[in-house]
């Protein structure tokens, strides 16, 4: 079977449940690899703001913690969930910690990085808080660098929600 949309994947929620991404069919998704001890960690607040502003219109923000970059998310899934909730009021879905690069990369991330290349045509995720915007049809619309603040994505999110 050839995987063609995001709906062909599953992930584990931060509390251990299996989540079919088909459950998000018809929504616009913003998928982000996160870390709790990174210079970009304050972006959790911006991601939460997007979730609150656009969630009722069909945006789902999905956070995927990763400890790959500088060991900046060493905690357990429970510790990560507590940190995000206590420090940033995160209520959008957080998934279990994953790898985003290499042989151990989560299948979703292997697919995402193959769909839209990064800077200079690279596939690899370069750092925490790389973002992927997925349209209501399950296809990747864009890839955003860690330096792209969540609020800078509003125009693209609004266009995806209107499509």
C-alpha atoms as a PDB file:
ATOM      1  CA  UNK A   1       0.000   0.000   0.000  1.00  0.00           C
ATOM      2  CA  UNK A   2       1.285   3.433  -0.902  1.00  0.00           C
ATOM      3  CA  UNK A   3       0.721   5.995   1.831  1.00  0.00           C
ATOM      4  CA  UNK A   4      -0.695   9.130   0.309  1.00  0.00           C
ATOM      5  CA  UNK A   5      -2.215  11.147   3.156  1.00  0.00           C
ATOM      6  CA  UNK A   6      -1.679  11.753   6.817  1.00  0.00           C
ATOM      7  CA  UNK A   7      -4.762   9.668   7.562  1.00  0.00           C
ATOM      8  CA  UNK A   8      -2.797   6.476   6.938  1.00  0.00           C
ATOM      9  CA  UNK A   9      -0.778   6.944  10.145  1.00  0.00           C
ATOM     10  CA  UNK A  10      -1.200   6.248  13.817  1.00  0.00           C
ATOM     11  CA  UNK A  11       0.598   7.730  16.803  1.00  0.00           C
ATOM     12  CA  UNK A  12       0.593   7.154  20.531  1.00  0.00           C
ATOM     13  CA  UNK A  13      -0.869   9.922  22.683  1.00  0.00           C
ATOM     14  CA  UNK A  14       1.236  11.207  25.551  1.00  0.00           C
ATOM     15  CA  UNK A  15      -0.935   9.158  27.910  1.00  0.00           C
ATOM     16  CA  UNK A  16      -0.325   5.963  25.914  1.00  0.00           C
ATOM     17  CA  UNK A  17      -3.475   5.612  23.805  1.00  0.00           C
ATOM     18  CA  UNK A  18      -3.247   4.720  20.115  1.00  0.00           C
ATOM     19  CA  UNK A  19      -4.496   7.605  17.989  1.00  0.00           C
ATOM     20  CA  UNK A  20      -5.469   7.148  14.357  1.00  0.00           C
ATOM     21  CA  UNK A  21      -4.754  10.324  12.445  1.00  0.00           C
ATOM     22  CA  UNK A  22      -7.831   9.411  10.395  1.00  0.00           C
ATOM     23  CA  UNK A  23      -9.708  10.756  13.436  1.00  0.00           C
ATOM     24  CA  UNK A  24      -8.632  14.201  12.214  1.00  0.00           C
ATOM     25  CA  UNK A  25     -10.033  13.753   8.710  1.00  0.00           C
ATOM     26  CA  UNK A  26     -11.390  17.048   7.397  1.00  0.00           C
ATOM     27  CA  UNK A  27      -9.352  19.171   9.815  1.00  0.00           C
ATOM     28  CA  UNK A  28      -6.325  21.328   9.168  1.00  0.00           C
ATOM     29  CA  UNK A  29      -3.376  20.007  11.172  1.00  0.00           C
ATOM     30  CA  UNK A  30      -0.333  21.795  12.515  1.00  0.00           C
ATOM     31  CA  UNK A  31       2.216  19.144  13.496  1.00  0.00           C
ATOM     32  CA  UNK A  32       5.192  20.246  15.582  1.00  0.00           C
ATOM     33  CA  UNK A  33       8.167  18.410  17.085  1.00  0.00           C
ATOM     34  CA  UNK A  34       8.536  19.952  20.532  1.00  0.00           C
ATOM     35  CA  UNK A  35      10.998  20.072  23.433  1.00  0.00           C
ATOM     36  CA  UNK A  36      10.622  21.272  27.008  1.00  0.00           C
ATOM     37  CA  UNK A  37      14.081  22.795  27.526  1.00  0.00           C
ATOM     38  CA  UNK A  38      14.803  24.545  24.224  1.00  0.00           C
ATOM     39  CA  UNK A  39      15.212  28.204  23.355  1.00  0.00           C
ATOM     40  CA  UNK A  40      12.065  27.787  21.248  1.00  0.00           C
ATOM     41  CA  UNK A  41      10.032  26.225  24.096  1.00  0.00           C
ATOM     42  CA  UNK A  42       8.078  29.495  24.640  1.00  0.00           C
ATOM     43  CA  UNK A  43       6.447  28.722  21.264  1.00  0.00           C
ATOM     44  CA  UNK A  44       4.134  26.424  23.251  1.00  0.00           C
ATOM     45  CA  UNK A  45       2.231  29.600  24.191  1.00  0.00           C
ATOM     46  CA  UNK A  46       1.816  30.578  20.540  1.00  0.00           C
ATOM     47  CA  UNK A  47       0.745  27.069  19.567  1.00  0.00           C
ATOM     48  CA  UNK A  48      -1.844  27.100  22.362  1.00  0.00           C
ATOM     49  CA  UNK A  49      -3.100  30.494  21.122  1.00  0.00           C
ATOM     50  CA  UNK A  50      -3.533  29.112  17.580  1.00  0.00           C
ATOM     51  CA  UNK A  51      -5.392  26.085  18.988  1.00  0.00           C
ATOM     52  CA  UNK A  52      -7.720  28.372  20.956  1.00  0.00           C
ATOM     53  CA  UNK A  53      -8.251  30.829  18.100  1.00  0.00           C
ATOM     54  CA  UNK A  54      -8.840  28.323  15.296  1.00  0.00           C
ATOM     55  CA  UNK A  55      -9.794  25.034  16.941  1.00  0.00           C
ATOM     56  CA  UNK A  56     -13.529  25.583  16.529  1.00  0.00           C
ATOM     57  CA  UNK A  57     -12.957  26.371  12.837  1.00  0.00           C
ATOM     58  CA  UNK A  58     -11.179  23.064  12.292  1.00  0.00           C
ATOM     59  CA  UNK A  59      -7.515  23.456  13.276  1.00  0.00           C
ATOM     60  CA  UNK A  60      -5.860  20.732  15.328  1.00  0.00           C
ATOM     61  CA  UNK A  61      -2.389  21.303  16.753  1.00  0.00           C
ATOM     62  CA  UNK A  62      -0.462  18.089  17.466  1.00  0.00           C
ATOM     63  CA  UNK A  63       2.747  18.197  19.489  1.00  0.00           C
ATOM     64  CA  UNK A  64       5.333  15.427  19.160  1.00  0.00           C
ATOM     65  CA  UNK A  65       8.048  15.707  21.836  1.00  0.00           C
ATOM     66  CA  UNK A  66      11.529  14.670  20.743  1.00  0.00           C
ATOM     67  CA  UNK A  67      14.788  14.440  22.668  1.00  0.00           C
ATOM     68  CA  UNK A  68      16.954  14.323  19.536  1.00  0.00           C
ATOM     69  CA  UNK A  69      18.300  17.846  19.574  1.00  0.00           C
ATOM     70  CA  UNK A  70      20.637  18.673  22.414  1.00  0.00           C
ATOM     71  CA  UNK A  71      18.828  16.272  24.771  1.00  0.00           C
ATOM     72  CA  UNK A  72      16.299  19.038  25.379  1.00  0.00           C
ATOM     73  CA  UNK A  73      13.351  16.814  26.290  1.00  0.00           C
ATOM     74  CA  UNK A  74      14.795  14.068  28.519  1.00  0.00           C
ATOM     75  CA  UNK A  75      11.721  13.621  30.722  1.00  0.00           C
ATOM     76  CA  UNK A  76       9.115  10.895  30.649  1.00  0.00           C
ATOM     77  CA  UNK A  77       5.863  11.402  28.775  1.00  0.00           C
ATOM     78  CA  UNK A  78       4.139  12.160  32.107  1.00  0.00           C
ATOM     79  CA  UNK A  79       6.780  14.773  32.983  1.00  0.00           C
ATOM     80  CA  UNK A  80       6.490  16.375  29.551  1.00  0.00           C
ATOM     81  CA  UNK A  81       2.682  16.514  29.783  1.00  0.00           C
ATOM     82  CA  UNK A  82       2.860  18.128  33.240  1.00  0.00           C
ATOM     83  CA  UNK A  83       5.475  20.654  32.103  1.00  0.00           C
ATOM     84  CA  UNK A  84       3.438  21.711  29.056  1.00  0.00           C
ATOM     85  CA  UNK A  85       0.219  22.065  31.029  1.00  0.00           C
ATOM     86  CA  UNK A  86       1.712  23.831  34.070  1.00  0.00           C
ATOM     87  CA  UNK A  87       3.996  26.243  32.206  1.00  0.00           C
ATOM     88  CA  UNK A  88       2.030  26.974  29.028  1.00  0.00           C
ATOM     89  CA  UNK A  89      -1.534  25.789  29.670  1.00  0.00           C
ATOM     90  CA  UNK A  90      -1.251  23.363  26.771  1.00  0.00           C
ATOM     91  CA  UNK A  91      -4.579  21.716  26.045  1.00  0.00           C
ATOM     92  CA  UNK A  92      -3.950  20.707  22.425  1.00  0.00           C
ATOM     93  CA  UNK A  93      -3.148  17.027  21.840  1.00  0.00           C
ATOM     94  CA  UNK A  94       0.377  15.988  22.764  1.00  0.00           C
ATOM     95  CA  UNK A  95       1.735  12.691  21.531  1.00  0.00           C
ATOM     96  CA  UNK A  96       4.281  10.350  23.092  1.00  0.00           C
ATOM     97  CA  UNK A  97       7.943  11.186  22.590  1.00  0.00           C
ATOM     98  CA  UNK A  98       9.235  10.162  19.143  1.00  0.00           C
ATOM     99  CA  UNK A  99      12.320  10.286  16.989  1.00  0.00           C
ATOM    100  CA  UNK A 100      11.958  12.499  13.925  1.00  0.00           C
ATOM    101  CA  UNK A 101      15.121  11.610  11.990  1.00  0.00           C
ATOM    102  CA  UNK A 102      17.071   8.533  10.979  1.00  0.00           C
ATOM    103  CA  UNK A 103      16.277   4.852  11.046  1.00  0.00           C
ATOM    104  CA  UNK A 104      14.239   5.187  14.246  1.00  0.00           C
ATOM    105  CA  UNK A 105      12.105   8.068  12.970  1.00  0.00           C
ATOM    106  CA  UNK A 106       8.383   7.713  13.480  1.00  0.00           C
ATOM    107  CA  UNK A 107       6.746   6.700  10.161  1.00  0.00           C
ATOM    108  CA  UNK A 108       4.724   9.934  10.191  1.00  0.00           C
ATOM    109  CA  UNK A 109       7.910  11.998  10.264  1.00  0.00           C
ATOM    110  CA  UNK A 110       9.529   9.906   7.539  1.00  0.00           C
ATOM    111  CA  UNK A 111       6.483  10.698   5.396  1.00  0.00           C
ATOM    112  CA  UNK A 112       6.266  14.405   6.341  1.00  0.00           C
ATOM    113  CA  UNK A 113       9.934  15.061   5.569  1.00  0.00           C
ATOM    114  CA  UNK A 114       9.570  13.267   2.239  1.00  0.00           C
ATOM    115  CA  UNK A 115       6.548  15.352   1.274  1.00  0.00           C
ATOM    116  CA  UNK A 116       8.073  18.789   1.860  1.00  0.00           C
ATOM    117  CA  UNK A 117      11.810  19.369   1.942  1.00  0.00           C
ATOM    118  CA  UNK A 118      13.493  21.780   4.305  1.00  0.00           C
ATOM    119  CA  UNK A 119      16.061  24.482   3.714  1.00  0.00           C
ATOM    120  CA  UNK A 120      18.369  23.719   0.783  1.00  0.00           C
ATOM    121  CA  UNK A 121      16.266  20.686  -0.114  1.00  0.00           C
ATOM    122  CA  UNK A 122      17.139  18.661   2.971  1.00  0.00           C
ATOM    123  CA  UNK A 123      14.730  16.089   4.344  1.00  0.00           C
ATOM    124  CA  UNK A 124      16.008  15.961   7.919  1.00  0.00           C
ATOM    125  CA  UNK A 125      14.417  17.912  10.728  1.00  0.00           C
ATOM    126  CA  UNK A 126      17.126  20.347  11.826  1.00  0.00           C
ATOM    127  CA  UNK A 127      15.855  21.287  15.298  1.00  0.00           C
ATOM    128  CA  UNK A 128      12.936  21.401  17.721  1.00  0.00           C
ATOM    129  CA  UNK A 129       9.748  23.221  16.734  1.00  0.00           C
ATOM    130  CA  UNK A 130       9.834  22.447  13.017  1.00  0.00           C
ATOM    131  CA  UNK A 131       6.219  22.750  11.902  1.00  0.00           C
ATOM    132  CA  UNK A 132       4.160  21.072   9.162  1.00  0.00           C
ATOM    133  CA  UNK A 133       0.797  22.396   8.004  1.00  0.00           C
ATOM    134  CA  UNK A 134      -1.542  19.749   6.592  1.00  0.00           C
ATOM    135  CA  UNK A 135      -4.713  20.602   4.676  1.00  0.00           C
ATOM    136  CA  UNK A 136      -8.185  19.195   5.152  1.00  0.00           C
ATOM    137  CA  UNK A 137      -7.397  16.681   2.374  1.00  0.00           C
ATOM    138  CA  UNK A 138      -4.556  15.150   4.417  1.00  0.00           C
ATOM    139  CA  UNK A 139      -1.781  16.518   2.197  1.00  0.00           C
ATOM    140  CA  UNK A 140       1.133  18.618   3.420  1.00  0.00           C
ATOM    141  CA  UNK A 141       0.772  22.300   2.539  1.00  0.00           C
ATOM    142  CA  UNK A 142       3.944  23.672   4.077  1.00  0.00           C
ATOM    143  CA  UNK A 143       6.965  23.227   6.291  1.00  0.00           C
ATOM    144  CA  UNK A 144       8.137  25.939   8.675  1.00  0.00           C
ATOM    145  CA  UNK A 145      11.450  26.431  10.433  1.00  0.00           C
ATOM    146  CA  UNK A 146      11.885  26.488  14.209  1.00  0.00           C
ATOM    147  CA  UNK A 147      12.470  30.241  13.947  1.00  0.00           C
ATOM    148  CA  UNK A 148       9.001  30.720  12.394  1.00  0.00           C
ATOM    149  CA  UNK A 149       6.851  31.736  15.344  1.00  0.00           C
ATOM    150  CA  UNK A 150       3.383  30.160  15.486  1.00  0.00           C
ATOM    151  CA  UNK A 151       1.678  33.545  15.059  1.00  0.00           C
ATOM    152  CA  UNK A 152       3.488  34.010  11.727  1.00  0.00           C
ATOM    153  CA  UNK A 153       1.516  31.036  10.354  1.00  0.00           C
ATOM    154  CA  UNK A 154      -1.931  32.613  10.758  1.00  0.00           C
ATOM    155  CA  UNK A 155      -2.298  33.641   7.105  1.00  0.00           C
ATOM    156  CA  UNK A 156      -1.491  30.125   5.878  1.00  0.00           C
ATOM    157  CA  UNK A 157      -3.727  28.556   8.531  1.00  0.00           C
ATOM    158  CA  UNK A 158      -6.637  30.810   7.585  1.00  0.00           C
ATOM    159  CA  UNK A 159      -6.156  29.973   3.892  1.00  0.00           C
ATOM    160  CA  UNK A 160      -6.118  26.242   4.692  1.00  0.00           C
ATOM    161  CA  UNK A 161      -9.248  26.550   6.823  1.00  0.00           C
ATOM    162  CA  UNK A 162     -11.026  28.431   4.020  1.00  0.00           C
ATOM    163  CA  UNK A 163     -10.094  25.866   1.354  1.00  0.00           C
END
